[in-house]
Amino acid sequence: MGRLRRKRVHKNIKDTKRKFRTRRRTKDIDQIHDDMKTENAAKFLNQRPDADLPGMGQHYCLECARYFVDITSLQGHLKSKVHKRRLKELSELPYTQKEADAAAGMGSYTVHRQLKMSKTTKPVAMDESD
């Protein structure tokens, strides 16, 4: 058990650690807030077909920054617990540098306010004629 057990552990193998650390890296909350602005949201929701993305890039969840294969999987995602958790995280406004300075004692600090969420991702059935 002693000699064989050591061989099967990925201890101090840097490539393996890096692979698992960065594999499921998603956008940060403040980046998603920037994407949810009206001028940026239109770009993400009305993209050209791209063969490198799942579903040709036509089925995108703006709040989670994820592409889906088809409309049914996107609709299932919109009802899921993962999506609802992300909506709850996005309900708070992102912190600014001014607020960080105030919290550090460089000014007066006020309580962080909530953001009202609106439905931005509306699944629309795609026409086959395009």
N, C-alpha and C. Protein backbone atom coordinates (compact mmCIF):
# COMPACT_ATOMS: atom_id res chain seq x y z
N MET A 1 0.82 -1.19 0.00
CA MET A 1 0.00 0.00 0.00
C MET A 1 0.86 1.25 0.00
N GLY A 2 2.00 1.22 0.64
CA GLY A 2 2.82 2.41 0.75
C GLY A 2 3.43 2.85 -0.57
N ARG A 3 4.08 1.94 -1.27
CA ARG A 3 4.77 2.30 -2.49
C ARG A 3 3.80 2.61 -3.64
N LEU A 4 2.77 1.81 -3.83
CA LEU A 4 1.80 2.04 -4.90
C LEU A 4 0.92 3.25 -4.63
N ARG A 5 0.61 3.48 -3.39
CA ARG A 5 -0.28 4.59 -3.04
C ARG A 5 0.33 5.92 -3.46
N ARG A 6 1.63 6.07 -3.34
CA ARG A 6 2.28 7.33 -3.68
C ARG A 6 2.22 7.64 -5.17
N LYS A 7 2.22 6.63 -5.99
CA LYS A 7 2.26 6.85 -7.43
C LYS A 7 0.96 7.40 -7.98
N ARG A 8 -0.15 7.14 -7.32
CA ARG A 8 -1.44 7.55 -7.86
C ARG A 8 -1.89 8.94 -7.43
N VAL A 9 -1.11 9.65 -6.69
CA VAL A 9 -1.49 10.97 -6.19
C VAL A 9 -0.83 12.04 -7.07
N HIS A 10 -1.58 13.06 -7.42
CA HIS A 10 -1.06 14.15 -8.25
C HIS A 10 -0.43 15.23 -7.38
N LYS A 11 0.42 14.85 -6.50
CA LYS A 11 1.00 15.80 -5.56
C LYS A 11 2.15 16.55 -6.23
N ASN A 12 2.11 17.88 -6.14
CA ASN A 12 3.12 18.78 -6.68
C ASN A 12 3.31 18.67 -8.19
N ILE A 13 2.29 18.23 -8.90
CA ILE A 13 2.33 18.25 -10.35
C ILE A 13 1.61 19.53 -10.78
N LYS A 14 2.36 20.51 -11.20
CA LYS A 14 1.83 21.84 -11.45
C LYS A 14 0.81 21.87 -12.57
N ASP A 15 1.05 21.11 -13.64
CA ASP A 15 0.12 21.14 -14.77
C ASP A 15 -1.26 20.66 -14.38
N THR A 16 -1.34 19.62 -13.57
CA THR A 16 -2.62 19.08 -13.15
C THR A 16 -3.36 20.09 -12.27
N LYS A 17 -2.65 20.74 -11.37
CA LYS A 17 -3.29 21.74 -10.52
C LYS A 17 -3.83 22.89 -11.34
N ARG A 18 -3.07 23.36 -12.30
CA ARG A 18 -3.48 24.49 -13.12
C ARG A 18 -4.68 24.12 -13.99
N LYS A 19 -4.69 22.90 -14.49
CA LYS A 19 -5.78 22.46 -15.35
C LYS A 19 -7.10 22.47 -14.60
N PHE A 20 -7.12 21.93 -13.40
CA PHE A 20 -8.35 21.86 -12.64
C PHE A 20 -8.73 23.21 -12.05
N ARG A 21 -7.78 24.09 -11.84
CA ARG A 21 -8.08 25.40 -11.27
C ARG A 21 -8.73 26.32 -12.30
N THR A 22 -8.30 26.23 -13.56
CA THR A 22 -8.79 27.15 -14.57
C THR A 22 -9.79 26.54 -15.54
N ARG A 23 -10.15 25.31 -15.36
CA ARG A 23 -11.02 24.64 -16.32
C ARG A 23 -12.42 25.25 -16.36
N ARG A 24 -13.02 25.48 -15.24
CA ARG A 24 -14.39 25.97 -15.19
C ARG A 24 -14.46 27.44 -14.80
N ARG A 25 -13.51 28.20 -15.24
CA ARG A 25 -13.45 29.62 -14.93
C ARG A 25 -14.55 30.35 -15.70
N THR A 26 -15.37 31.10 -14.99
CA THR A 26 -16.45 31.86 -15.61
C THR A 26 -16.21 33.35 -15.41
N LYS A 27 -17.06 34.14 -15.98
CA LYS A 27 -16.94 35.59 -15.83
C LYS A 27 -17.26 35.99 -14.40
N ASP A 28 -16.62 37.06 -13.95
CA ASP A 28 -16.91 37.59 -12.63
C ASP A 28 -18.21 38.39 -12.67
N ILE A 29 -18.76 38.65 -11.47
CA ILE A 29 -20.05 39.33 -11.36
C ILE A 29 -19.99 40.73 -11.96
N ASP A 30 -18.90 41.47 -11.73
CA ASP A 30 -18.83 42.83 -12.27
C ASP A 30 -18.72 42.82 -13.80
N GLN A 31 -18.10 41.80 -14.38
CA GLN A 31 -18.06 41.69 -15.84
C GLN A 31 -19.44 41.40 -16.41
N ILE A 32 -20.23 40.60 -15.70
CA ILE A 32 -21.58 40.30 -16.14
C ILE A 32 -22.46 41.54 -16.03
N HIS A 33 -22.24 42.35 -14.98
CA HIS A 33 -22.99 43.61 -14.86
C HIS A 33 -22.71 44.52 -16.06
N ASP A 34 -21.47 44.55 -16.52
CA ASP A 34 -21.14 45.34 -17.71
C ASP A 34 -21.81 44.77 -18.95
N ASP A 35 -21.90 43.45 -19.04
CA ASP A 35 -22.55 42.82 -20.19
C ASP A 35 -24.06 43.06 -20.19
N MET A 36 -24.64 43.28 -19.02
CA MET A 36 -26.08 43.45 -18.92
C MET A 36 -26.55 44.86 -19.28
N LYS A 37 -25.64 45.78 -19.50
CA LYS A 37 -26.04 47.11 -19.97
C LYS A 37 -26.66 46.96 -21.35
N THR A 38 -27.60 47.85 -21.67
CA THR A 38 -28.42 47.66 -22.87
C THR A 38 -27.62 47.56 -24.16
N GLU A 39 -26.57 48.38 -24.31
CA GLU A 39 -25.81 48.33 -25.56
C GLU A 39 -25.01 47.04 -25.68
N ASN A 40 -24.53 46.51 -24.56
CA ASN A 40 -23.77 45.26 -24.59
C ASN A 40 -24.69 44.04 -24.66
N ALA A 41 -25.86 44.12 -24.01
CA ALA A 41 -26.78 42.99 -23.98
C ALA A 41 -27.29 42.66 -25.38
N ALA A 42 -27.52 43.68 -26.18
CA ALA A 42 -28.01 43.45 -27.54
C ALA A 42 -26.98 42.68 -28.37
N LYS A 43 -25.71 42.94 -28.13
CA LYS A 43 -24.65 42.23 -28.86
C LYS A 43 -24.66 40.74 -28.52
N PHE A 44 -24.83 40.42 -27.23
CA PHE A 44 -24.78 39.03 -26.81
C PHE A 44 -26.03 38.25 -27.21
N LEU A 45 -27.18 38.90 -27.15
CA LEU A 45 -28.42 38.19 -27.44
C LEU A 45 -28.69 38.05 -28.93
N ASN A 46 -28.06 38.88 -29.77
CA ASN A 46 -28.26 38.82 -31.22
C ASN A 46 -26.91 38.63 -31.91
N GLN A 47 -26.31 37.47 -31.71
CA GLN A 47 -25.00 37.19 -32.28
C GLN A 47 -25.12 36.50 -33.63
N ARG A 48 -24.08 36.64 -34.41
CA ARG A 48 -23.99 35.89 -35.66
C ARG A 48 -23.71 34.42 -35.33
N PRO A 49 -24.15 33.51 -36.17
CA PRO A 49 -23.83 32.09 -35.92
C PRO A 49 -22.32 31.85 -35.94
N ASP A 50 -21.84 31.15 -34.92
CA ASP A 50 -20.42 30.83 -34.79
C ASP A 50 -20.30 29.34 -34.55
N ALA A 51 -19.61 28.65 -35.44
CA ALA A 51 -19.51 27.19 -35.37
C ALA A 51 -18.69 26.71 -34.17
N ASP A 52 -17.88 27.57 -33.57
CA ASP A 52 -17.05 27.16 -32.43
C ASP A 52 -17.82 27.16 -31.11
N LEU A 53 -18.98 27.80 -31.06
CA LEU A 53 -19.75 27.89 -29.82
C LEU A 53 -20.87 26.86 -29.82
N PRO A 54 -21.31 26.42 -28.63
CA PRO A 54 -22.43 25.49 -28.57
C PRO A 54 -23.70 26.12 -29.15
N GLY A 55 -24.43 25.38 -29.93
CA GLY A 55 -25.66 25.87 -30.53
C GLY A 55 -25.43 27.02 -31.49
N MET A 56 -24.24 27.06 -32.09
CA MET A 56 -23.86 28.11 -33.03
C MET A 56 -23.90 29.51 -32.38
N GLY A 57 -23.88 29.58 -31.05
CA GLY A 57 -23.87 30.86 -30.35
C GLY A 57 -25.21 31.57 -30.31
N GLN A 58 -26.29 30.86 -30.61
CA GLN A 58 -27.60 31.49 -30.70
C GLN A 58 -28.41 31.41 -29.41
N HIS A 59 -28.03 30.56 -28.48
CA HIS A 59 -28.78 30.37 -27.24
C HIS A 59 -27.85 30.73 -26.08
N TYR A 60 -27.97 31.95 -25.57
CA TYR A 60 -27.03 32.49 -24.58
C TYR A 60 -27.79 32.97 -23.36
N CYS A 61 -27.33 32.59 -22.19
CA CYS A 61 -27.88 33.10 -20.93
C CYS A 61 -26.99 34.26 -20.51
N LEU A 62 -27.53 35.46 -20.54
CA LEU A 62 -26.76 36.67 -20.27
C LEU A 62 -26.32 36.74 -18.81
N GLU A 63 -27.17 36.32 -17.90
CA GLU A 63 -26.86 36.42 -16.47
C GLU A 63 -25.78 35.43 -16.04
N CYS A 64 -25.75 34.26 -16.67
CA CYS A 64 -24.77 33.24 -16.29
C CYS A 64 -23.58 33.19 -17.23
N ALA A 65 -23.64 33.93 -18.34
CA ALA A 65 -22.58 33.95 -19.36
C ALA A 65 -22.29 32.55 -19.88
N ARG A 66 -23.36 31.84 -20.28
CA ARG A 66 -23.23 30.48 -20.79
C ARG A 66 -23.97 30.33 -22.11
N TYR A 67 -23.41 29.52 -22.98
CA TYR A 67 -24.05 29.17 -24.24
C TYR A 67 -24.71 27.80 -24.10
N PHE A 68 -25.83 27.61 -24.79
CA PHE A 68 -26.54 26.34 -24.73
C PHE A 68 -26.74 25.79 -26.14
N VAL A 69 -26.92 24.47 -26.22
CA VAL A 69 -27.01 23.78 -27.50
C VAL A 69 -28.32 24.12 -28.22
N ASP A 70 -29.43 24.13 -27.48
CA ASP A 70 -30.71 24.42 -28.11
C ASP A 70 -31.60 25.20 -27.16
N ILE A 71 -32.78 25.57 -27.65
CA ILE A 71 -33.69 26.43 -26.88
C ILE A 71 -34.26 25.69 -25.68
N THR A 72 -34.45 24.37 -25.77
CA THR A 72 -35.03 23.63 -24.65
C THR A 72 -34.05 23.56 -23.48
N SER A 73 -32.77 23.40 -23.77
CA SER A 73 -31.80 23.38 -22.68
C SER A 73 -31.65 24.77 -22.05
N LEU A 74 -31.80 25.82 -22.85
CA LEU A 74 -31.77 27.19 -22.30
C LEU A 74 -32.98 27.43 -21.41
N GLN A 75 -34.15 27.01 -21.85
CA GLN A 75 -35.36 27.17 -21.03
C GLN A 75 -35.28 26.36 -19.75
N GLY A 76 -34.72 25.16 -19.83
CA GLY A 76 -34.52 24.37 -18.61
C GLY A 76 -33.54 25.04 -17.67
N HIS A 77 -32.52 25.66 -18.21
CA HIS A 77 -31.54 26.37 -17.38
C HIS A 77 -32.18 27.57 -16.70
N LEU A 78 -33.06 28.29 -17.40
CA LEU A 78 -33.70 29.47 -16.82
C LEU A 78 -34.58 29.12 -15.63
N LYS A 79 -35.03 27.88 -15.53
CA LYS A 79 -35.84 27.43 -14.40
C LYS A 79 -35.01 26.80 -13.30
N SER A 80 -33.71 26.64 -13.52
CA SER A 80 -32.87 25.88 -12.59
C SER A 80 -32.45 26.70 -11.37
N LYS A 81 -31.99 25.98 -10.37
CA LYS A 81 -31.52 26.59 -9.14
C LYS A 81 -30.23 27.37 -9.35
N VAL A 82 -29.38 26.91 -10.25
CA VAL A 82 -28.11 27.58 -10.54
C VAL A 82 -28.37 28.98 -11.11
N HIS A 83 -29.33 29.08 -12.02
CA HIS A 83 -29.67 30.37 -12.63
C HIS A 83 -30.29 31.30 -11.60
N LYS A 84 -31.15 30.77 -10.76
CA LYS A 84 -31.80 31.60 -9.75
C LYS A 84 -30.80 32.11 -8.72
N ARG A 85 -29.80 31.30 -8.39
CA ARG A 85 -28.74 31.77 -7.49
C ARG A 85 -27.95 32.91 -8.12
N ARG A 86 -27.67 32.79 -9.41
CA ARG A 86 -26.93 33.84 -10.10
C ARG A 86 -27.74 35.13 -10.13
N LEU A 87 -29.05 35.04 -10.33
CA LEU A 87 -29.90 36.23 -10.31
C LEU A 87 -29.85 36.91 -8.95
N LYS A 88 -29.81 36.11 -7.91
CA LYS A 88 -29.74 36.67 -6.55
C LYS A 88 -28.40 37.39 -6.34
N GLU A 89 -27.31 36.81 -6.86
CA GLU A 89 -26.01 37.47 -6.76
C GLU A 89 -25.98 38.77 -7.54
N LEU A 90 -26.64 38.79 -8.69
CA LEU A 90 -26.64 39.97 -9.54
C LEU A 90 -27.59 41.06 -9.06
N SER A 91 -28.43 40.76 -8.06
CA SER A 91 -29.36 41.77 -7.57
C SER A 91 -28.65 42.90 -6.83
N GLU A 92 -27.44 42.66 -6.35
CA GLU A 92 -26.66 43.72 -5.70
C GLU A 92 -25.82 44.43 -6.74
N LEU A 93 -25.69 45.73 -6.58
CA LEU A 93 -24.83 46.50 -7.48
C LEU A 93 -23.38 46.17 -7.20
N PRO A 94 -22.53 46.15 -8.20
CA PRO A 94 -21.11 45.89 -7.94
C PRO A 94 -20.47 47.06 -7.19
N TYR A 95 -19.48 46.74 -6.38
CA TYR A 95 -18.80 47.78 -5.61
C TYR A 95 -17.93 48.62 -6.52
N THR A 96 -17.82 49.90 -6.18
CA THR A 96 -16.97 50.80 -6.93
C THR A 96 -15.74 51.13 -6.10
N GLN A 97 -14.78 51.78 -6.71
CA GLN A 97 -13.58 52.18 -5.99
C GLN A 97 -13.91 53.20 -4.91
N LYS A 98 -14.89 54.06 -5.17
CA LYS A 98 -15.31 55.06 -4.19
C LYS A 98 -15.84 54.39 -2.93
N GLU A 99 -16.64 53.34 -3.10
CA GLU A 99 -17.17 52.61 -1.94
C GLU A 99 -16.06 51.88 -1.19
N ALA A 100 -15.09 51.35 -1.90
CA ALA A 100 -13.98 50.66 -1.26
C ALA A 100 -13.16 51.63 -0.42
N ASP A 101 -12.92 52.82 -0.93
CA ASP A 101 -12.20 53.83 -0.17
C ASP A 101 -12.97 54.25 1.07
N ALA A 102 -14.30 54.40 0.93
CA ALA A 102 -15.12 54.80 2.06
C ALA A 102 -15.13 53.72 3.14
N ALA A 103 -15.16 52.46 2.74
CA ALA A 103 -15.17 51.37 3.71
C ALA A 103 -13.82 51.25 4.41
N ALA A 104 -12.75 51.69 3.75
CA ALA A 104 -11.42 51.62 4.34
C ALA A 104 -11.13 52.79 5.27
N GLY A 105 -12.09 53.71 5.41
CA GLY A 105 -11.92 54.83 6.33
C GLY A 105 -11.53 56.13 5.65
N MET A 106 -11.67 56.20 4.35
CA MET A 106 -11.31 57.41 3.61
C MET A 106 -12.54 58.24 3.28
N GLY A 107 -13.60 58.10 4.00
CA GLY A 107 -14.82 58.85 3.76
C GLY A 107 -15.97 58.22 4.51
N SER A 108 -17.18 58.68 4.24
CA SER A 108 -18.34 58.12 4.92
C SER A 108 -18.87 56.94 4.12
N TYR A 109 -19.23 55.89 4.80
CA TYR A 109 -19.70 54.67 4.15
C TYR A 109 -21.20 54.58 4.28
N THR A 110 -21.89 54.29 3.18
CA THR A 110 -23.33 54.08 3.20
C THR A 110 -23.61 52.62 2.87
N VAL A 111 -24.79 52.17 3.27
CA VAL A 111 -25.18 50.78 3.05
C VAL A 111 -25.36 50.53 1.55
N HIS A 112 -24.92 49.37 1.11
CA HIS A 112 -24.99 48.99 -0.30
C HIS A 112 -26.44 48.78 -0.69
N ARG A 113 -26.87 49.31 -1.82
CA ARG A 113 -28.27 49.20 -2.23
C ARG A 113 -28.47 48.06 -3.22
N GLN A 114 -29.72 47.62 -3.33
CA GLN A 114 -30.08 46.51 -4.21
C GLN A 114 -30.41 47.03 -5.60
N LEU A 115 -30.21 46.20 -6.59
CA LEU A 115 -30.52 46.51 -7.97
C LEU A 115 -31.79 45.77 -8.36
N LYS A 116 -32.72 46.46 -9.02
CA LYS A 116 -33.93 45.79 -9.48
C LYS A 116 -33.61 45.06 -10.77
N MET A 117 -33.91 43.79 -10.80
CA MET A 117 -33.61 42.96 -11.96
C MET A 117 -34.81 42.96 -12.90
N SER A 118 -34.52 42.99 -14.18
CA SER A 118 -35.55 42.86 -15.19
C SER A 118 -35.22 41.64 -16.04
N LYS A 119 -36.21 41.12 -16.70
CA LYS A 119 -35.99 39.96 -17.56
C LYS A 119 -35.29 40.41 -18.82
N THR A 120 -34.03 40.03 -18.99
CA THR A 120 -33.30 40.40 -20.19
C THR A 120 -33.18 39.23 -21.15
N THR A 121 -33.12 38.04 -20.61
CA THR A 121 -32.99 36.86 -21.46
C THR A 121 -34.37 36.30 -21.72
N LYS A 122 -34.85 36.50 -22.93
CA LYS A 122 -36.15 35.94 -23.30
C LYS A 122 -35.92 34.95 -24.42
N PRO A 123 -36.14 33.68 -24.15
CA PRO A 123 -35.92 32.70 -25.21
C PRO A 123 -36.95 32.87 -26.32
N VAL A 124 -36.45 33.00 -27.51
CA VAL A 124 -37.29 33.17 -28.69
C VAL A 124 -37.00 32.02 -29.63
N ALA A 125 -38.06 31.41 -30.13
CA ALA A 125 -37.87 30.30 -31.07
C ALA A 125 -37.27 30.84 -32.35
N MET A 126 -36.20 30.20 -32.81
CA MET A 126 -35.51 30.64 -34.01
C MET A 126 -36.22 30.10 -35.25
N ASP A 127 -36.33 30.93 -36.29
CA ASP A 127 -36.90 30.50 -37.56
C ASP A 127 -35.87 29.67 -38.31
N GLU A 128 -36.32 28.63 -38.96
CA GLU A 128 -35.44 27.78 -39.74
C GLU A 128 -35.14 28.38 -41.10
N SER A 129 -35.84 29.46 -41.49
CA SER A 129 -35.66 30.03 -42.81
C SER A 129 -34.40 30.88 -42.92
N ASP A 130 -33.80 31.30 -41.78
CA ASP A 130 -32.61 32.15 -41.82
C ASP A 130 -31.39 31.42 -42.28
